N, C-alpha and C. Protein backbone atom coordinates (compact mmCIF):
# COMPACT_ATOMS: atom_id res chain seq x y z
N MET A 1 91.68 -67.91 70.05
CA MET A 1 92.83 -68.13 70.98
C MET A 1 93.74 -66.67 70.69
N ASP A 2 94.07 -65.87 71.46
CA ASP A 2 94.85 -64.86 71.98
C ASP A 2 96.61 -65.49 71.34
N THR A 3 96.83 -64.45 70.97
CA THR A 3 98.48 -64.52 70.68
C THR A 3 99.35 -63.82 72.17
N ILE A 4 100.56 -64.43 71.99
CA ILE A 4 101.06 -63.88 73.26
C ILE A 4 101.13 -62.20 73.15
N ASP A 5 101.36 -62.10 71.61
CA ASP A 5 101.38 -60.46 71.44
C ASP A 5 99.98 -60.22 71.63
N ASP A 6 98.80 -60.08 71.52
CA ASP A 6 97.59 -60.00 71.78
C ASP A 6 97.49 -59.95 73.24
N THR A 7 97.77 -60.74 74.22
CA THR A 7 97.87 -60.67 75.48
C THR A 7 98.73 -59.93 76.00
N VAL A 8 99.90 -59.49 75.52
CA VAL A 8 100.86 -58.45 76.24
C VAL A 8 99.72 -57.16 75.92
N ALA A 9 99.70 -56.85 74.55
CA ALA A 9 99.04 -55.64 74.17
C ALA A 9 98.04 -55.15 75.11
N ALA A 10 96.99 -56.11 75.43
CA ALA A 10 95.65 -55.73 76.24
C ALA A 10 95.99 -55.72 77.92
N ALA A 11 97.21 -56.39 78.11
CA ALA A 11 97.89 -56.18 79.82
C ALA A 11 98.62 -54.74 79.60
N ALA A 12 99.46 -54.41 78.62
CA ALA A 12 100.21 -53.33 78.82
C ALA A 12 99.98 -52.19 79.54
N PRO A 13 100.68 -51.56 80.19
CA PRO A 13 100.44 -50.15 80.66
C PRO A 13 100.18 -49.29 79.58
N CYS A 14 99.63 -48.18 80.29
CA CYS A 14 99.43 -46.64 79.71
C CYS A 14 100.75 -46.38 79.35
N ALA A 15 101.64 -46.46 80.40
CA ALA A 15 102.72 -45.50 80.82
C ALA A 15 103.87 -46.47 81.83
N VAL A 16 105.18 -46.19 81.37
CA VAL A 16 105.70 -46.65 82.16
C VAL A 16 106.82 -45.70 82.45
N LEU A 17 107.08 -45.53 83.97
CA LEU A 17 107.97 -44.37 84.67
C LEU A 17 109.12 -44.86 84.83
N PHE A 18 110.00 -44.23 85.19
CA PHE A 18 111.39 -44.46 85.34
C PHE A 18 111.83 -43.37 86.42
N ASP A 19 112.69 -44.05 87.34
CA ASP A 19 113.50 -43.39 87.98
C ASP A 19 114.47 -43.10 87.28
N ARG A 20 115.64 -41.51 87.59
CA ARG A 20 116.45 -41.61 86.89
C ARG A 20 117.55 -42.07 87.00
N ASP A 21 118.26 -41.80 87.95
CA ASP A 21 119.96 -42.05 88.61
C ASP A 21 119.83 -43.77 88.94
N ASP A 22 120.57 -44.40 88.04
CA ASP A 22 120.98 -45.83 88.33
C ASP A 22 119.99 -46.79 87.93
N THR A 23 118.99 -46.21 87.23
CA THR A 23 118.05 -46.64 86.08
C THR A 23 118.44 -46.15 84.99
N LEU A 24 118.01 -45.01 84.68
CA LEU A 24 118.50 -44.67 83.17
C LEU A 24 119.71 -44.22 82.80
N ILE A 25 120.30 -43.61 83.99
CA ILE A 25 121.63 -42.91 83.60
C ILE A 25 122.47 -43.63 85.16
N VAL A 26 123.67 -43.88 84.63
CA VAL A 26 124.66 -43.78 85.69
C VAL A 26 124.63 -43.01 86.89
N ASP A 27 124.51 -43.55 88.11
CA ASP A 27 124.38 -42.40 89.22
C ASP A 27 125.72 -41.63 89.55
N VAL A 28 125.76 -40.39 89.30
CA VAL A 28 126.55 -39.59 89.58
C VAL A 28 126.29 -38.86 90.92
N PRO A 29 126.56 -38.43 92.01
CA PRO A 29 125.68 -37.67 93.12
C PRO A 29 125.57 -36.22 92.79
N TYR A 30 124.60 -35.92 92.66
CA TYR A 30 124.58 -34.33 92.65
C TYR A 30 124.99 -33.83 91.01
N LEU A 31 124.76 -34.90 90.03
CA LEU A 31 125.10 -34.19 88.57
C LEU A 31 124.60 -33.23 88.49
N ALA A 32 125.84 -32.24 88.06
CA ALA A 32 125.39 -30.74 87.81
C ALA A 32 126.10 -30.75 86.60
N ASP A 33 126.64 -31.41 85.68
CA ASP A 33 127.28 -31.31 84.82
C ASP A 33 126.81 -32.33 83.61
N PRO A 34 126.29 -31.69 82.40
CA PRO A 34 125.49 -32.63 81.42
C PRO A 34 126.63 -33.73 80.84
N ALA A 35 128.21 -33.20 80.58
CA ALA A 35 128.83 -33.98 80.09
C ALA A 35 129.06 -35.30 81.05
N GLY A 36 128.36 -35.51 82.25
CA GLY A 36 128.63 -36.35 83.01
C GLY A 36 127.60 -37.23 82.73
N VAL A 37 126.61 -37.34 81.86
CA VAL A 37 125.37 -37.99 81.66
C VAL A 37 126.00 -39.12 81.12
N ARG A 38 125.95 -40.35 81.55
CA ARG A 38 126.20 -41.76 80.62
C ARG A 38 124.66 -42.67 81.14
N PRO A 39 124.27 -42.92 79.97
CA PRO A 39 122.98 -44.24 79.92
C PRO A 39 123.44 -45.35 80.58
N VAL A 40 122.59 -45.92 81.18
CA VAL A 40 123.26 -47.57 81.73
C VAL A 40 122.74 -48.02 80.43
N PRO A 41 123.69 -49.05 80.30
CA PRO A 41 123.65 -49.99 79.05
C PRO A 41 122.29 -50.64 78.72
N GLY A 42 121.76 -50.46 77.38
CA GLY A 42 120.65 -50.94 77.27
C GLY A 42 118.98 -49.96 77.39
N ALA A 43 119.60 -48.60 77.80
CA ALA A 43 118.15 -47.78 78.53
C ALA A 43 117.85 -47.55 76.94
N ALA A 44 118.57 -46.85 76.04
CA ALA A 44 117.82 -46.41 74.93
C ALA A 44 117.10 -47.61 74.27
N GLU A 45 117.66 -48.65 73.82
CA GLU A 45 117.05 -49.89 73.34
C GLU A 45 115.92 -49.98 74.24
N GLN A 46 115.49 -50.11 75.48
CA GLN A 46 114.40 -50.11 76.18
C GLN A 46 113.38 -49.39 75.70
N LEU A 47 113.74 -48.12 75.98
CA LEU A 47 112.91 -46.89 75.79
C LEU A 47 112.06 -47.10 74.66
N ASN A 48 113.18 -47.03 73.53
CA ASN A 48 112.48 -47.32 72.12
C ASN A 48 111.91 -48.68 71.93
N ARG A 49 111.61 -49.35 72.55
CA ARG A 49 111.27 -50.39 72.79
C ARG A 49 109.55 -50.49 73.17
N LEU A 50 109.58 -49.43 73.97
CA LEU A 50 108.24 -48.85 74.77
C LEU A 50 107.55 -47.89 73.76
N ARG A 51 108.49 -46.89 73.56
CA ARG A 51 107.72 -46.05 72.43
C ARG A 51 107.23 -46.63 71.16
N ALA A 52 107.84 -47.74 70.42
CA ALA A 52 107.46 -48.44 69.37
C ALA A 52 106.00 -49.32 69.85
N ALA A 53 106.09 -49.75 70.87
CA ALA A 53 104.82 -50.21 71.40
C ALA A 53 103.64 -49.46 71.74
N GLY A 54 103.75 -47.84 71.54
CA GLY A 54 102.88 -46.94 71.97
C GLY A 54 102.60 -46.78 73.41
N ILE A 55 103.49 -46.94 74.37
CA ILE A 55 103.81 -46.77 75.63
C ILE A 55 104.33 -45.37 75.87
N ARG A 56 103.72 -44.47 76.63
CA ARG A 56 104.23 -43.51 77.12
C ARG A 56 105.32 -43.68 78.00
N VAL A 57 106.41 -42.65 78.30
CA VAL A 57 107.39 -42.83 78.84
C VAL A 57 107.85 -41.75 79.79
N GLY A 58 108.28 -41.50 81.32
CA GLY A 58 108.33 -40.63 82.18
C GLY A 58 109.46 -40.78 83.12
N VAL A 59 109.87 -39.79 83.42
CA VAL A 59 110.84 -39.82 84.84
C VAL A 59 110.31 -39.17 85.72
N VAL A 60 110.43 -39.88 86.98
CA VAL A 60 109.85 -39.64 88.59
C VAL A 60 111.28 -39.57 89.21
N SER A 61 111.80 -38.33 89.49
CA SER A 61 112.98 -38.54 90.21
C SER A 61 113.45 -37.54 91.42
N ASN A 62 114.13 -37.97 92.62
CA ASN A 62 114.57 -36.85 93.51
C ASN A 62 115.67 -36.52 93.23
N GLN A 63 115.56 -34.92 93.60
CA GLN A 63 117.00 -34.36 93.41
C GLN A 63 117.22 -33.14 94.32
N SER A 64 117.33 -33.76 95.46
CA SER A 64 117.57 -32.98 97.16
C SER A 64 118.66 -32.13 96.56
N GLY A 65 119.48 -32.49 95.68
CA GLY A 65 120.78 -31.51 95.57
C GLY A 65 120.62 -30.10 95.46
N VAL A 66 119.24 -29.96 94.83
CA VAL A 66 118.84 -28.32 94.53
C VAL A 66 118.58 -27.73 95.76
N ALA A 67 117.70 -28.59 96.34
CA ALA A 67 117.44 -27.63 98.13
C ALA A 67 118.88 -27.69 98.91
N ALA A 68 119.60 -28.45 98.71
CA ALA A 68 120.88 -28.54 99.61
C ALA A 68 121.86 -27.45 98.84
N GLY A 69 121.32 -26.88 97.53
CA GLY A 69 122.45 -25.82 97.17
C GLY A 69 123.30 -26.38 96.34
N LEU A 70 123.25 -27.70 96.10
CA LEU A 70 124.70 -28.28 95.74
C LEU A 70 124.68 -28.21 93.98
N ILE A 71 123.28 -28.10 93.47
CA ILE A 71 123.24 -28.18 91.83
C ILE A 71 121.77 -27.12 91.98
N SER A 72 122.37 -26.21 90.74
CA SER A 72 121.10 -25.28 90.32
C SER A 72 120.06 -25.50 89.81
N PRO A 73 118.74 -24.86 89.84
CA PRO A 73 117.94 -25.77 88.80
C PRO A 73 118.35 -25.23 87.61
N ALA A 74 119.03 -24.46 86.92
CA ALA A 74 119.27 -24.52 85.56
C ALA A 74 120.18 -25.79 85.57
N GLN A 75 121.31 -25.86 86.09
CA GLN A 75 121.88 -27.05 85.86
C GLN A 75 121.37 -28.53 85.97
N LEU A 76 120.43 -28.79 86.98
CA LEU A 76 119.35 -29.76 86.59
C LEU A 76 118.76 -29.75 85.09
N ALA A 77 118.14 -28.74 84.92
CA ALA A 77 117.61 -28.88 83.48
C ALA A 77 118.71 -28.78 82.32
N ALA A 78 119.38 -28.41 82.48
CA ALA A 78 120.77 -28.71 81.47
C ALA A 78 120.92 -30.44 81.70
N VAL A 79 120.95 -30.85 82.87
CA VAL A 79 121.41 -32.52 82.83
C VAL A 79 120.36 -33.32 82.31
N ASN A 80 119.06 -32.85 82.35
CA ASN A 80 117.80 -33.52 82.51
C ASN A 80 117.73 -33.19 80.78
N ALA A 81 117.75 -32.16 80.30
CA ALA A 81 117.71 -32.25 78.84
C ALA A 81 118.74 -33.04 77.92
N ARG A 82 119.90 -33.46 78.46
CA ARG A 82 120.97 -33.76 78.14
C ARG A 82 120.84 -35.52 78.06
N VAL A 83 120.04 -36.11 79.17
CA VAL A 83 119.45 -37.16 79.16
C VAL A 83 118.46 -37.35 78.19
N GLU A 84 117.57 -36.27 77.72
CA GLU A 84 116.80 -36.70 76.71
C GLU A 84 117.76 -36.46 75.08
N GLU A 85 118.51 -35.66 75.08
CA GLU A 85 119.30 -35.91 73.60
C GLU A 85 119.88 -37.11 73.65
N LEU A 86 120.25 -38.15 74.62
CA LEU A 86 120.79 -39.31 74.65
C LEU A 86 119.94 -40.47 74.75
N LEU A 87 118.88 -40.28 75.45
CA LEU A 87 117.67 -41.54 75.19
C LEU A 87 116.24 -41.13 74.79
N GLY A 88 116.14 -39.87 74.19
CA GLY A 88 115.01 -39.56 73.60
C GLY A 88 114.14 -38.71 74.41
N PRO A 89 112.99 -38.23 73.79
CA PRO A 89 112.19 -37.77 74.56
C PRO A 89 111.02 -38.37 75.81
N PHE A 90 111.08 -37.90 76.66
CA PHE A 90 109.95 -38.32 77.61
C PHE A 90 108.58 -37.28 77.77
N ASP A 91 107.95 -38.21 77.69
CA ASP A 91 106.28 -37.47 77.98
C ASP A 91 106.16 -36.97 79.23
N THR A 92 106.60 -36.81 80.15
CA THR A 92 106.64 -36.20 81.23
C THR A 92 107.85 -36.00 82.10
N TRP A 93 108.38 -35.33 82.81
CA TRP A 93 109.53 -35.19 83.83
C TRP A 93 108.72 -34.89 85.19
N GLN A 94 108.65 -35.67 86.21
CA GLN A 94 108.42 -34.88 87.58
C GLN A 94 109.59 -35.29 88.45
N VAL A 95 110.02 -34.24 88.90
CA VAL A 95 111.02 -34.09 89.95
C VAL A 95 110.90 -33.33 91.05
N CYS A 96 111.20 -33.81 91.94
CA CYS A 96 110.94 -33.43 93.58
C CYS A 96 112.55 -32.73 93.70
N THR A 97 112.52 -31.67 93.66
CA THR A 97 113.69 -31.04 94.39
C THR A 97 114.06 -30.39 95.72
N HIS A 98 112.79 -30.91 96.70
CA HIS A 98 112.88 -30.50 97.92
C HIS A 98 114.27 -31.38 98.66
N GLY A 99 114.33 -31.10 99.98
CA GLY A 99 115.37 -31.83 100.74
C GLY A 99 114.41 -33.01 101.66
N ARG A 100 115.56 -33.75 102.28
CA ARG A 100 114.87 -35.04 102.63
C ARG A 100 113.99 -34.58 103.78
N ASP A 101 114.26 -33.51 104.49
CA ASP A 101 113.41 -33.22 105.61
C ASP A 101 112.37 -32.20 105.59
N ASP A 102 111.77 -31.92 104.11
CA ASP A 102 110.82 -30.92 104.11
C ASP A 102 109.86 -31.22 103.89
N GLY A 103 109.08 -32.67 104.06
CA GLY A 103 107.97 -33.17 104.68
C GLY A 103 107.25 -32.81 103.13
N CYS A 104 107.59 -33.05 101.98
CA CYS A 104 106.80 -32.67 101.02
C CYS A 104 105.79 -34.09 100.56
N ARG A 105 104.93 -33.66 99.58
CA ARG A 105 104.41 -35.19 99.12
C ARG A 105 104.71 -35.69 98.14
N CYS A 106 105.75 -34.76 97.45
CA CYS A 106 106.43 -35.51 96.27
C CYS A 106 107.53 -36.35 96.05
N ARG A 107 108.38 -36.06 97.45
CA ARG A 107 109.74 -36.86 97.54
C ARG A 107 109.54 -38.33 97.76
N LYS A 108 110.02 -39.33 96.58
CA LYS A 108 109.71 -40.76 96.88
C LYS A 108 110.37 -40.81 98.40
N PRO A 109 109.60 -41.78 98.92
CA PRO A 109 108.57 -42.81 99.07
C PRO A 109 107.39 -42.36 98.92
N GLU A 110 107.20 -41.16 99.10
CA GLU A 110 106.06 -40.15 98.88
C GLU A 110 105.07 -40.75 97.61
N PRO A 111 103.99 -40.38 97.16
CA PRO A 111 103.04 -41.02 96.23
C PRO A 111 103.13 -39.71 95.06
N GLY A 112 103.41 -38.82 95.40
CA GLY A 112 103.17 -37.40 94.72
C GLY A 112 103.82 -37.62 93.37
N LEU A 113 105.23 -38.09 93.16
CA LEU A 113 105.44 -37.47 91.89
C LEU A 113 104.87 -39.03 90.78
N VAL A 114 104.38 -39.90 91.31
CA VAL A 114 103.59 -41.18 90.62
C VAL A 114 102.32 -40.14 89.98
N ILE A 115 101.97 -40.04 91.09
CA ILE A 115 100.42 -39.50 90.76
C ILE A 115 100.48 -38.44 89.83
N ASP A 116 101.31 -37.33 89.67
CA ASP A 116 101.50 -36.12 89.10
C ASP A 116 101.65 -36.67 87.51
N ALA A 117 102.83 -37.50 87.56
CA ALA A 117 103.30 -38.17 86.36
C ALA A 117 101.93 -38.38 85.79
N ALA A 118 101.20 -39.56 86.22
CA ALA A 118 99.88 -40.24 85.80
C ALA A 118 98.98 -39.10 85.12
N ALA A 119 98.71 -38.00 85.98
CA ALA A 119 97.79 -36.95 85.55
C ALA A 119 98.17 -36.28 84.32
N ALA A 120 99.74 -36.21 84.34
CA ALA A 120 100.36 -35.35 83.23
C ALA A 120 100.18 -36.18 82.11
N LEU A 121 100.20 -37.46 82.31
CA LEU A 121 99.97 -38.46 80.89
C LEU A 121 98.08 -38.69 80.75
N GLY A 122 97.60 -38.21 81.11
CA GLY A 122 96.27 -38.34 81.01
C GLY A 122 95.55 -39.66 81.42
N THR A 123 96.22 -40.33 82.64
CA THR A 123 95.92 -41.65 83.02
C THR A 123 95.81 -41.58 84.87
N VAL A 124 95.78 -42.99 85.21
CA VAL A 124 95.78 -42.90 86.54
C VAL A 124 96.88 -43.91 86.84
N PRO A 125 97.56 -43.80 88.44
CA PRO A 125 98.57 -44.78 88.67
C PRO A 125 98.52 -45.99 88.26
N ALA A 126 97.31 -46.41 88.62
CA ALA A 126 97.01 -48.13 88.30
C ALA A 126 96.95 -48.48 86.81
N ASP A 127 97.56 -47.55 85.75
CA ASP A 127 97.47 -47.74 84.58
C ASP A 127 99.04 -47.42 84.29
N CYS A 128 99.72 -47.61 85.24
CA CYS A 128 101.30 -47.15 85.08
C CYS A 128 102.00 -48.34 85.94
N VAL A 129 103.40 -48.38 85.30
CA VAL A 129 104.52 -49.01 86.08
C VAL A 129 105.48 -48.41 86.48
N LEU A 130 105.92 -48.14 87.26
CA LEU A 130 107.50 -47.39 87.81
C LEU A 130 108.60 -48.37 87.82
N ILE A 131 109.68 -48.05 87.19
CA ILE A 131 110.85 -49.26 87.06
C ILE A 131 111.99 -48.16 88.16
N GLY A 132 112.55 -48.86 88.90
CA GLY A 132 113.57 -47.97 89.59
C GLY A 132 114.45 -49.11 90.40
N ASP A 133 115.49 -48.34 91.02
CA ASP A 133 116.56 -49.35 91.59
C ASP A 133 116.49 -49.31 92.87
N ILE A 134 115.58 -48.66 93.81
CA ILE A 134 115.74 -48.77 94.95
C ILE A 134 114.20 -48.85 96.07
N GLY A 135 114.30 -49.07 97.11
CA GLY A 135 113.02 -49.37 97.86
C GLY A 135 112.24 -48.34 97.90
N SER A 136 112.67 -47.04 97.77
CA SER A 136 111.88 -45.88 97.67
C SER A 136 110.88 -45.61 96.37
N ASP A 137 111.61 -46.26 95.23
CA ASP A 137 110.79 -45.92 94.22
C ASP A 137 109.60 -46.97 94.18
N VAL A 138 110.00 -48.13 94.57
CA VAL A 138 108.59 -48.97 94.98
C VAL A 138 107.61 -48.66 95.49
N ALA A 139 107.86 -48.32 97.01
CA ALA A 139 107.37 -47.54 97.92
C ALA A 139 106.26 -46.21 97.37
N ALA A 140 106.77 -45.82 96.72
CA ALA A 140 106.24 -44.18 95.74
C ALA A 140 104.96 -44.97 94.69
N ALA A 141 105.69 -46.28 93.87
CA ALA A 141 104.57 -46.73 92.92
C ALA A 141 103.46 -47.27 93.99
N VAL A 142 103.65 -47.75 94.64
CA VAL A 142 102.95 -48.61 95.84
C VAL A 142 101.71 -47.80 96.55
N ALA A 143 102.19 -46.99 96.97
CA ALA A 143 101.49 -45.78 97.69
C ALA A 143 100.53 -44.69 96.53
N ALA A 144 100.90 -45.07 95.46
CA ALA A 144 100.21 -44.10 94.29
C ALA A 144 99.36 -45.24 94.18
N GLY A 145 99.53 -46.93 93.96
CA GLY A 145 98.27 -47.63 93.70
C GLY A 145 98.92 -47.85 92.02
N ALA A 146 100.44 -47.74 91.68
CA ALA A 146 100.91 -48.35 90.37
C ALA A 146 101.75 -49.68 90.83
N ARG A 147 101.77 -50.11 89.50
CA ARG A 147 102.52 -51.26 89.84
C ARG A 147 104.21 -50.99 90.01
N ALA A 148 105.05 -52.06 90.24
CA ALA A 148 106.35 -51.43 90.65
C ALA A 148 107.51 -52.34 89.93
N VAL A 149 108.80 -52.47 89.16
CA VAL A 149 109.76 -53.24 88.82
C VAL A 149 110.83 -52.86 89.62
N LEU A 150 111.38 -53.71 90.71
CA LEU A 150 112.63 -53.11 91.09
C LEU A 150 113.93 -53.90 90.03
N VAL A 151 114.85 -52.94 89.70
CA VAL A 151 116.16 -53.26 89.07
C VAL A 151 117.45 -53.18 90.04
N PRO A 152 117.61 -53.72 90.69
CA PRO A 152 119.05 -53.82 91.96
C PRO A 152 119.94 -53.64 91.03
N THR A 153 120.84 -52.61 91.84
CA THR A 153 122.23 -52.37 91.61
C THR A 153 122.95 -52.62 92.61
N ALA A 154 124.34 -52.35 92.67
CA ALA A 154 125.13 -52.28 93.98
C ALA A 154 124.98 -51.42 94.99
N LYS A 155 123.90 -50.60 94.63
CA LYS A 155 123.99 -50.00 96.00
C LYS A 155 122.34 -50.18 96.57
N THR A 156 121.61 -51.19 95.65
CA THR A 156 120.29 -51.45 96.42
C THR A 156 120.67 -52.22 97.56
N ARG A 157 120.00 -52.05 98.82
CA ARG A 157 120.07 -52.66 100.18
C ARG A 157 119.14 -54.13 99.97
N PRO A 158 119.75 -54.97 100.65
CA PRO A 158 119.06 -56.16 100.66
C PRO A 158 117.55 -56.34 101.24
N GLU A 159 117.19 -55.27 102.34
CA GLU A 159 115.96 -55.36 102.80
C GLU A 159 115.23 -54.56 101.89
N GLU A 160 115.77 -53.79 100.62
CA GLU A 160 114.83 -53.08 99.84
C GLU A 160 114.70 -54.03 98.66
N ILE A 161 115.37 -55.03 98.55
CA ILE A 161 115.10 -56.26 97.66
C ILE A 161 113.82 -57.24 98.08
N ALA A 162 114.18 -57.54 99.42
CA ALA A 162 113.24 -58.30 100.07
C ALA A 162 111.71 -57.60 99.78
N TYR A 163 111.62 -56.12 100.31
CA TYR A 163 110.55 -55.53 100.53
C TYR A 163 109.81 -55.81 98.85
N ALA A 164 110.44 -55.44 97.79
CA ALA A 164 110.19 -55.32 96.35
C ALA A 164 109.81 -56.81 96.13
N ARG A 165 110.17 -57.68 96.62
CA ARG A 165 109.59 -59.20 96.38
C ARG A 165 108.26 -59.57 97.17
N GLU A 166 107.99 -58.92 98.22
CA GLU A 166 106.99 -58.86 98.97
C GLU A 166 105.76 -58.21 98.05
N VAL A 167 105.82 -57.07 97.47
CA VAL A 167 104.79 -55.89 96.83
C VAL A 167 105.23 -55.61 95.61
N ALA A 168 106.31 -56.22 95.16
CA ALA A 168 105.95 -55.47 93.66
C ALA A 168 107.04 -56.89 92.81
N LEU A 169 107.56 -56.64 91.80
CA LEU A 169 108.34 -57.59 91.10
C LEU A 169 110.00 -56.77 90.84
N VAL A 170 110.93 -57.86 91.03
CA VAL A 170 112.02 -57.76 90.64
C VAL A 170 113.00 -58.47 89.45
N ALA A 171 113.24 -57.59 88.91
CA ALA A 171 114.09 -57.84 87.56
C ALA A 171 115.56 -57.86 87.76
N PRO A 172 116.32 -58.60 86.83
CA PRO A 172 117.60 -58.86 86.97
C PRO A 172 118.60 -57.24 86.28
N ASP A 173 117.89 -57.04 85.16
CA ASP A 173 118.24 -55.86 84.35
C ASP A 173 117.03 -55.27 83.87
N LEU A 174 117.35 -54.06 83.27
CA LEU A 174 116.45 -53.08 82.82
C LEU A 174 115.56 -53.93 81.55
N ALA A 175 116.05 -54.56 80.72
CA ALA A 175 115.43 -55.58 79.64
C ALA A 175 113.96 -56.25 80.03
N ASP A 176 114.82 -57.06 81.47
CA ASP A 176 113.57 -57.98 81.96
C ASP A 176 112.37 -56.86 82.57
N ALA A 177 113.03 -55.98 83.30
CA ALA A 177 111.88 -54.98 83.75
C ALA A 177 110.88 -54.54 82.67
N VAL A 178 111.59 -54.01 81.71
CA VAL A 178 110.28 -53.97 80.59
C VAL A 178 109.36 -55.03 80.03
N THR A 179 110.05 -55.97 80.15
CA THR A 179 109.25 -57.08 79.60
C THR A 179 107.97 -57.43 80.74
N LEU A 180 108.55 -57.59 82.05
CA LEU A 180 107.53 -57.58 83.28
C LEU A 180 106.39 -56.45 83.07
N ALA A 181 106.91 -55.17 82.80
CA ALA A 181 105.77 -53.85 82.71
C ALA A 181 104.90 -54.38 81.30
N LEU A 182 105.54 -54.90 80.41
CA LEU A 182 104.52 -54.91 79.08
C LEU A 182 103.24 -56.25 79.47
N SER A 183 104.21 -56.94 80.38
CA SER A 183 103.51 -58.36 80.74
C SER A 183 102.14 -58.11 81.29
N GLY A 184 101.98 -56.92 81.78
CA GLY A 184 100.67 -56.81 82.88
C GLY A 184 101.00 -57.78 84.13
N THR A 185 102.16 -58.22 84.51
CA THR A 185 101.98 -59.06 85.85
C THR A 185 102.08 -58.11 86.91
N SER A 186 101.88 -58.48 87.88
CA SER A 186 102.06 -57.91 89.38
C SER A 186 102.52 -58.74 90.04
N ARG A 187 102.91 -58.16 91.31
CA ARG A 187 103.30 -59.22 92.51
C ARG A 187 101.62 -60.15 92.80
N LYS A 188 100.96 -59.55 92.78
CA LYS A 188 99.54 -59.89 93.20
C LYS A 188 99.20 -61.18 92.18
N ASP A 189 99.65 -61.02 90.90
CA ASP A 189 99.60 -62.21 89.68
C ASP A 189 100.46 -63.41 89.96
N VAL A 190 101.65 -62.97 90.46
CA VAL A 190 102.56 -64.36 90.64
C VAL A 190 102.18 -64.84 91.96
N LEU A 191 101.97 -64.28 92.98
CA LEU A 191 101.30 -64.88 94.36
C LEU A 191 100.32 -65.67 94.26
N SER A 192 99.33 -65.14 93.35
CA SER A 192 98.07 -66.35 93.19
C SER A 192 98.20 -67.52 92.54
């Protein structure tokens, strides 16, 4: 008979991908100063939990402030470097710097960032879980064929939560989201 730990290990994803703003760090619109990076409480512990389990971690983030000229690519790189200083290294960073109306394939809710992150990690989206705080995170994961867990914040709209409950999972906090990611549970499993 399998133990719970054996079951979790067998079902664990190859990678867990995270949205950056309001999932890993406190959202500051168009953050250009690395000194403004503040991790979400518990983020470092949950990332270390995944790393200790041998799960690769990555970031998939829309950063349209670059296209709008509100932050430079160098400022974005400095902020992301500060995120790594505070939260540890990520196995991949996939960032869309296009504007909202550019029609790219990468800006969430499009699946490009998730597909590219999986490829960079040598896996496929179906073996990944994306944890984020808004509906476009969930939609990007679903469109790519990955699992998703929504962690609502005060900025998450009720319709985004309702959508996530239909196609993904919803967790009250990052710790529970990581537990769900490690469990292998998907919305399909919950509904059956």
